[in-house]
Amino acid sequence: MLAKYKLADTYEGNTEDVGKDYAVEQAEGAPRPFRAYLDVGLARTSTGAKIFGALKGALDGGLDIPHNEKRFAGYDKDDKKLDTETHAQYILGGIIGEYAAELQEEEPEKYARQFKSYVDQGVDPEELEDLYKEVHEKIRANPVHVKKERKTYAQPKLWHDVKHTYEQRKANLVAKLKALKSGDDE
């Protein structure tokens, strides 16, 4: 979005601490940052929900979105403080890596089934956080979305018969009548 409006160079986003809350501030002498508003629709807004993970990604990308850190994963109600380590662990797949490692030790068959794509790609659960960091770096290197060409699909399925001409209908009727007459002879 920022590249589209030529704001990507001015507003880089959060590049240091991934788990820390980040808000874009207007650069002096530059256009104001792109402001967006989160519309959760019918999604539940419980603390740590996926929608707030998407919000955090947009914030770290450099968008200005009004928010409150209370809904991010790792927020402690009692201390009224965001635990940045826990939040970073959620963002970088640390929780998934821990679960995968635990499952690999306790139930290898279930691990092989549930994490089949990771096993096929040769991804070790302990290396998952490093993999996520690499992905983040690659996205930062080239954040512009490139549209892929559409694949040509097979002919769409027709739900209605194609209209036939009078001659075609007449020929079909003659063929049906011949089939009926030949069936009567047998």
C-alpha atoms as a PDB file:
ATOM      1  CA  MET A   1       0.000   0.000   0.000  1.00  0.00           C
ATOM      2  CA  LEU A   2       2.798   2.385   0.879  1.00  0.00           C
ATOM      3  CA  ALA A   3       4.620   1.689  -2.387  1.00  0.00           C
ATOM      4  CA  LYS A   4       1.413   2.431  -4.298  1.00  0.00           C
ATOM      5  CA  TYR A   5       1.198   5.914  -2.753  1.00  0.00           C
ATOM      6  CA  LYS A   6       4.981   6.479  -2.810  1.00  0.00           C
ATOM      7  CA  LEU A   7       5.295   6.473   0.981  1.00  0.00           C
ATOM      8  CA  ALA A   8       7.411   3.314   1.351  1.00  0.00           C
ATOM      9  CA  ASP A   9      10.712   5.213   1.563  1.00  0.00           C
ATOM     10  CA  THR A  10       9.385   7.712   4.106  1.00  0.00           C
ATOM     11  CA  TYR A  11       7.587   5.277   6.414  1.00  0.00           C
ATOM     12  CA  GLU A  12       9.661   2.115   6.739  1.00  0.00           C
ATOM     13  CA  GLY A  13       7.828   0.554   9.675  1.00  0.00           C
ATOM     14  CA  ASN A  14       9.143  -1.467  12.602  1.00  0.00           C
ATOM     15  CA  THR A  15      12.444  -3.139  11.756  1.00  0.00           C
ATOM     16  CA  GLU A  16      13.950  -3.684  15.220  1.00  0.00           C
ATOM     17  CA  ASP A  17      11.948  -5.324  18.006  1.00  0.00           C
ATOM     18  CA  VAL A  18       9.158  -7.423  16.501  1.00  0.00           C
ATOM     19  CA  GLY A  19       7.229  -7.964  19.745  1.00  0.00           C
ATOM     20  CA  LYS A  20       7.194  -4.322  20.787  1.00  0.00           C
ATOM     21  CA  ASP A  21       4.117  -2.191  20.096  1.00  0.00           C
ATOM     22  CA  TYR A  22       4.739   0.215  17.234  1.00  0.00           C
ATOM     23  CA  ALA A  23       2.933   3.299  16.013  1.00  0.00           C
ATOM     24  CA  VAL A  24       3.888   5.307  12.929  1.00  0.00           C
ATOM     25  CA  GLU A  25       4.641   8.961  13.500  1.00  0.00           C
ATOM     26  CA  GLN A  26       4.527  11.626  10.822  1.00  0.00           C
ATOM     27  CA  ALA A  27       7.913  12.498   9.360  1.00  0.00           C
ATOM     28  CA  GLU A  28       8.747  16.178   9.323  1.00  0.00           C
ATOM     29  CA  GLY A  29       8.255  17.831   5.944  1.00  0.00           C
ATOM     30  CA  ALA A  30       6.701  14.691   4.448  1.00  0.00           C
ATOM     31  CA  PRO A  31       3.135  13.686   3.699  1.00  0.00           C
ATOM     32  CA  ARG A  32       1.326  12.134   6.616  1.00  0.00           C
ATOM     33  CA  PRO A  33       1.400   8.320   6.910  1.00  0.00           C
ATOM     34  CA  PHE A  34      -1.293   6.216   5.276  1.00  0.00           C
ATOM     35  CA  ARG A  35      -4.077   5.744   7.792  1.00  0.00           C
ATOM     36  CA  ALA A  36      -6.274   2.670   7.797  1.00  0.00           C
ATOM     37  CA  TYR A  37      -8.945   1.450  10.177  1.00  0.00           C
ATOM     38  CA  LEU A  38      -9.376  -2.118  11.359  1.00  0.00           C
ATOM     39  CA  ASP A  39     -12.781  -3.578  10.559  1.00  0.00           C
ATOM     40  CA  VAL A  40     -13.118  -6.893  12.348  1.00  0.00           C
ATOM     41  CA  GLY A  41     -16.539  -7.628  10.908  1.00  0.00           C
ATOM     42  CA  LEU A  42     -18.047 -10.654  12.631  1.00  0.00           C
ATOM     43  CA  ALA A  43     -14.721 -11.943  13.986  1.00  0.00           C
ATOM     44  CA  ARG A  44     -14.408 -12.317  17.735  1.00  0.00           C
ATOM     45  CA  THR A  45     -12.208  -9.702  19.295  1.00  0.00           C
ATOM     46  CA  SER A  46     -10.679 -11.731  22.086  1.00  0.00           C
ATOM     47  CA  THR A  47      -7.111 -11.060  23.162  1.00  0.00           C
ATOM     48  CA  GLY A  48      -4.606 -12.777  20.891  1.00  0.00           C
ATOM     49  CA  ALA A  49      -7.067 -13.375  18.031  1.00  0.00           C
ATOM     50  CA  LYS A  50      -5.660 -13.787  14.507  1.00  0.00           C
ATOM     51  CA  ILE A  51      -7.168 -10.488  13.384  1.00  0.00           C
ATOM     52  CA  PHE A  52      -4.862  -8.683  15.811  1.00  0.00           C
ATOM     53  CA  GLY A  53      -1.892 -10.575  14.389  1.00  0.00           C
ATOM     54  CA  ALA A  54      -2.825  -9.148  10.983  1.00  0.00           C
ATOM     55  CA  LEU A  55      -3.124  -5.712  12.607  1.00  0.00           C
ATOM     56  CA  LYS A  56       0.375  -6.060  14.076  1.00  0.00           C
ATOM     57  CA  GLY A  57       1.763  -7.024  10.668  1.00  0.00           C
ATOM     58  CA  ALA A  58       0.197  -3.949   9.063  1.00  0.00           C
ATOM     59  CA  LEU A  59       1.559  -1.732  11.852  1.00  0.00           C
ATOM     60  CA  ASP A  60       5.056  -3.160  11.474  1.00  0.00           C
ATOM     61  CA  GLY A  61       4.749  -2.618   7.731  1.00  0.00           C
ATOM     62  CA  GLY A  62       4.366   1.133   8.243  1.00  0.00           C
ATOM     63  CA  LEU A  63       0.612   1.727   8.163  1.00  0.00           C
ATOM     64  CA  ASP A  64      -0.955   4.095  10.664  1.00  0.00           C
ATOM     65  CA  ILE A  65      -3.805   2.207  12.327  1.00  0.00           C
ATOM     66  CA  PRO A  66      -5.390   3.386  15.577  1.00  0.00           C
ATOM     67  CA  HIS A  67      -5.095   0.507  18.044  1.00  0.00           C
ATOM     68  CA  ASN A  68      -4.549  -0.527  21.629  1.00  0.00           C
ATOM     69  CA  GLU A  69      -1.955  -3.074  22.733  1.00  0.00           C
ATOM     70  CA  LYS A  70      -4.439  -4.735  25.102  1.00  0.00           C
ATOM     71  CA  ARG A  71      -5.614  -7.139  22.366  1.00  0.00           C
ATOM     72  CA  PHE A  72      -2.196  -8.384  21.262  1.00  0.00           C
ATOM     73  CA  ALA A  73      -1.076 -11.869  22.283  1.00  0.00           C
ATOM     74  CA  GLY A  74       1.089 -11.635  25.399  1.00  0.00           C
ATOM     75  CA  TYR A  75      -0.836  -8.812  27.093  1.00  0.00           C
ATOM     76  CA  ASP A  76      -1.189  -9.422  30.832  1.00  0.00           C
ATOM     77  CA  LYS A  77      -4.379  -8.008  32.350  1.00  0.00           C
ATOM     78  CA  ASP A  78      -3.026  -8.094  35.888  1.00  0.00           C
ATOM     79  CA  ASP A  79       0.185  -6.179  35.169  1.00  0.00           C
ATOM     80  CA  LYS A  80      -1.530  -4.126  32.428  1.00  0.00           C
ATOM     81  CA  LYS A  81       1.550  -4.569  30.312  1.00  0.00           C
ATOM     82  CA  LEU A  82       2.463  -6.245  27.030  1.00  0.00           C
ATOM     83  CA  ASP A  83       5.032  -9.014  27.344  1.00  0.00           C
ATOM     84  CA  THR A  84       7.123  -8.347  24.225  1.00  0.00           C
ATOM     85  CA  GLU A  85       8.931 -11.701  24.363  1.00  0.00           C
ATOM     86  CA  THR A  86       5.685 -13.671  24.307  1.00  0.00           C
ATOM     87  CA  HIS A  87       4.301 -11.436  21.576  1.00  0.00           C
ATOM     88  CA  ALA A  88       7.432 -11.916  19.473  1.00  0.00           C
ATOM     89  CA  GLN A  89       7.186 -15.659  20.019  1.00  0.00           C
ATOM     90  CA  TYR A  90       3.664 -15.628  18.560  1.00  0.00           C
ATOM     91  CA  ILE A  91       4.737 -13.513  15.575  1.00  0.00           C
ATOM     92  CA  LEU A  92       7.800 -15.597  14.743  1.00  0.00           C
ATOM     93  CA  GLY A  93       6.112 -18.988  15.096  1.00  0.00           C
ATOM     94  CA  GLY A  94       7.860 -19.914  18.336  1.00  0.00           C
ATOM     95  CA  ILE A  95       4.691 -21.388  19.796  1.00  0.00           C
ATOM     96  CA  ILE A  96       4.193 -23.548  16.704  1.00  0.00           C
ATOM     97  CA  GLY A  97       7.832 -24.660  16.883  1.00  0.00           C
ATOM     98  CA  GLU A  98       7.498 -25.618  20.545  1.00  0.00           C
ATOM     99  CA  TYR A  99       4.312 -27.575  19.883  1.00  0.00           C
ATOM    100  CA  ALA A 100       5.867 -29.328  16.883  1.00  0.00           C
ATOM    101  CA  ALA A 101       8.988 -30.288  18.872  1.00  0.00           C
ATOM    102  CA  GLU A 102       6.869 -31.591  21.736  1.00  0.00           C
ATOM    103  CA  LEU A 103       4.658 -33.567  19.343  1.00  0.00           C
ATOM    104  CA  GLN A 104       7.705 -34.929  17.524  1.00  0.00           C
ATOM    105  CA  GLU A 105       9.023 -36.403  20.789  1.00  0.00           C
ATOM    106  CA  GLU A 106       5.741 -37.689  22.222  1.00  0.00           C
ATOM    107  CA  GLU A 107       3.725 -38.764  19.157  1.00  0.00           C
ATOM    108  CA  PRO A 108       5.880 -39.042  16.014  1.00  0.00           C
ATOM    109  CA  GLU A 109       3.022 -40.428  13.884  1.00  0.00           C
ATOM    110  CA  LYS A 110       0.761 -37.503  14.717  1.00  0.00           C
ATOM    111  CA  TYR A 111       3.652 -35.093  14.108  1.00  0.00           C
ATOM    112  CA  ALA A 112       4.297 -36.641  10.689  1.00  0.00           C
ATOM    113  CA  ARG A 113       0.615 -36.240   9.806  1.00  0.00           C
ATOM    114  CA  GLN A 114       0.033 -32.757  11.230  1.00  0.00           C
ATOM    115  CA  PHE A 115       3.307 -31.196  10.062  1.00  0.00           C
ATOM    116  CA  LYS A 116       3.607 -33.117   6.789  1.00  0.00           C
ATOM    117  CA  SER A 117       4.422 -30.045   4.704  1.00  0.00           C
ATOM    118  CA  TYR A 118       7.203 -29.056   7.135  1.00  0.00           C
ATOM    119  CA  VAL A 119       8.616 -32.577   7.041  1.00  0.00           C
ATOM    120  CA  ASP A 120       8.447 -32.633   3.212  1.00  0.00           C
ATOM    121  CA  GLN A 121      10.301 -29.295   3.053  1.00  0.00           C
ATOM    122  CA  GLY A 122      12.885 -30.434   5.610  1.00  0.00           C
ATOM    123  CA  VAL A 123      12.008 -27.764   8.181  1.00  0.00           C
ATOM    124  CA  ASP A 124      13.077 -28.593  11.721  1.00  0.00           C
ATOM    125  CA  PRO A 125      10.761 -27.274  14.496  1.00  0.00           C
ATOM    126  CA  GLU A 126      13.693 -25.604  16.279  1.00  0.00           C
ATOM    127  CA  GLU A 127      14.570 -23.666  13.107  1.00  0.00           C
ATOM    128  CA  LEU A 128      11.064 -22.306  12.598  1.00  0.00           C
ATOM    129  CA  GLU A 129      11.746 -18.902  14.189  1.00  0.00           C
ATOM    130  CA  ASP A 130      14.793 -18.404  11.955  1.00  0.00           C
ATOM    131  CA  LEU A 131      12.686 -19.330   8.934  1.00  0.00           C
ATOM    132  CA  TYR A 132      10.052 -16.750   9.873  1.00  0.00           C
ATOM    133  CA  LYS A 133      12.778 -14.094  10.260  1.00  0.00           C
ATOM    134  CA  GLU A 134      14.071 -14.948   6.769  1.00  0.00           C
ATOM    135  CA  VAL A 135      10.558 -14.614   5.371  1.00  0.00           C
ATOM    136  CA  HIS A 136      10.155 -11.209   7.040  1.00  0.00           C
ATOM    137  CA  GLU A 137      13.466 -10.061   5.553  1.00  0.00           C
ATOM    138  CA  LYS A 138      12.462 -11.207   2.069  1.00  0.00           C
ATOM    139  CA  ILE A 139       9.139  -9.383   2.353  1.00  0.00           C
ATOM    140  CA  ARG A 140      10.947  -6.216   3.441  1.00  0.00           C
ATOM    141  CA  ALA A 141      13.385  -6.577   0.538  1.00  0.00           C
ATOM    142  CA  ASN A 142      10.557  -6.643  -2.025  1.00  0.00           C
ATOM    143  CA  PRO A 143       7.192  -5.682  -0.516  1.00  0.00           C
ATOM    144  CA  VAL A 144       5.472  -4.911  -3.814  1.00  0.00           C
ATOM    145  CA  HIS A 145       2.708  -7.345  -4.719  1.00  0.00           C
ATOM    146  CA  VAL A 146       3.032  -8.648  -8.256  1.00  0.00           C
ATOM    147  CA  LYS A 147      -0.126 -10.016  -9.819  1.00  0.00           C
ATOM    148  CA  LYS A 148       0.238 -13.465 -11.267  1.00  0.00           C
ATOM    149  CA  GLU A 149      -1.251 -14.285 -14.634  1.00  0.00           C
ATOM    150  CA  ARG A 150      -4.487 -16.173 -14.449  1.00  0.00           C
ATOM    151  CA  LYS A 151      -4.376 -19.770 -15.469  1.00  0.00           C
ATOM    152  CA  THR A 152      -6.692 -20.820 -18.236  1.00  0.00           C
ATOM    153  CA  TYR A 153      -9.225 -23.174 -16.854  1.00  0.00           C
ATOM    154  CA  ALA A 154     -11.273 -25.829 -18.609  1.00  0.00           C
ATOM    155  CA  GLN A 155     -14.525 -24.807 -20.191  1.00  0.00           C
ATOM    156  CA  PRO A 156     -17.090 -23.840 -17.587  1.00  0.00           C
ATOM    157  CA  LYS A 157     -19.723 -26.417 -16.859  1.00  0.00           C
ATOM    158  CA  LEU A 158     -23.003 -25.699 -18.600  1.00  0.00           C
ATOM    159  CA  TRP A 159     -26.029 -26.206 -16.409  1.00  0.00           C
ATOM    160  CA  HIS A 160     -28.532 -25.872 -19.244  1.00  0.00           C
ATOM    161  CA  ASP A 161     -28.593 -27.594 -22.594  1.00  0.00           C
ATOM    162  CA  VAL A 162     -27.339 -25.548 -25.481  1.00  0.00           C
ATOM    163  CA  LYS A 163     -30.199 -24.315 -27.674  1.00  0.00           C
ATOM    164  CA  HIS A 164     -30.508 -26.368 -30.848  1.00  0.00           C
ATOM    165  CA  THR A 165     -31.799 -25.192 -34.187  1.00  0.00           C
ATOM    166  CA  TYR A 166     -35.057 -26.507 -35.608  1.00  0.00           C
ATOM    167  CA  GLU A 167     -33.182 -28.885 -37.907  1.00  0.00           C
ATOM    168  CA  GLN A 168     -31.127 -30.274 -35.020  1.00  0.00           C
ATOM    169  CA  ARG A 169     -34.225 -30.836 -32.871  1.00  0.00           C
ATOM    170  CA  LYS A 170     -35.980 -32.543 -35.791  1.00  0.00           C
ATOM    171  CA  ALA A 171     -32.947 -34.818 -36.381  1.00  0.00           C
ATOM    172  CA  ASN A 172     -32.803 -35.730 -32.665  1.00  0.00           C
ATOM    173  CA  LEU A 173     -36.522 -36.599 -32.712  1.00  0.00           C
ATOM    174  CA  VAL A 174     -36.094 -38.799 -35.786  1.00  0.00           C
ATOM    175  CA  ALA A 175     -33.147 -40.584 -34.125  1.00  0.00           C
ATOM    176  CA  LYS A 176     -35.193 -41.210 -30.948  1.00  0.00           C
ATOM    177  CA  LEU A 177     -38.125 -42.553 -32.955  1.00  0.00           C
ATOM    178  CA  LYS A 178     -35.826 -44.902 -34.901  1.00  0.00           C
ATOM    179  CA  ALA A 179     -34.332 -46.132 -31.622  1.00  0.00           C
ATOM    180  CA  LEU A 180     -37.806 -46.788 -30.222  1.00  0.00           C
ATOM    181  CA  LYS A 181     -38.938 -48.634 -33.353  1.00  0.00           C
ATOM    182  CA  SER A 182     -35.822 -50.786 -33.400  1.00  0.00           C
ATOM    183  CA  GLY A 183     -36.421 -51.592 -29.714  1.00  0.00           C
ATOM    184  CA  ASP A 184     -39.977 -52.747 -30.443  1.00  0.00           C
ATOM    185  CA  ASP A 185     -38.817 -55.210 -33.124  1.00  0.00           C
ATOM    186  CA  GLU A 186     -36.604 -57.119 -30.705  1.00  0.00           C
END
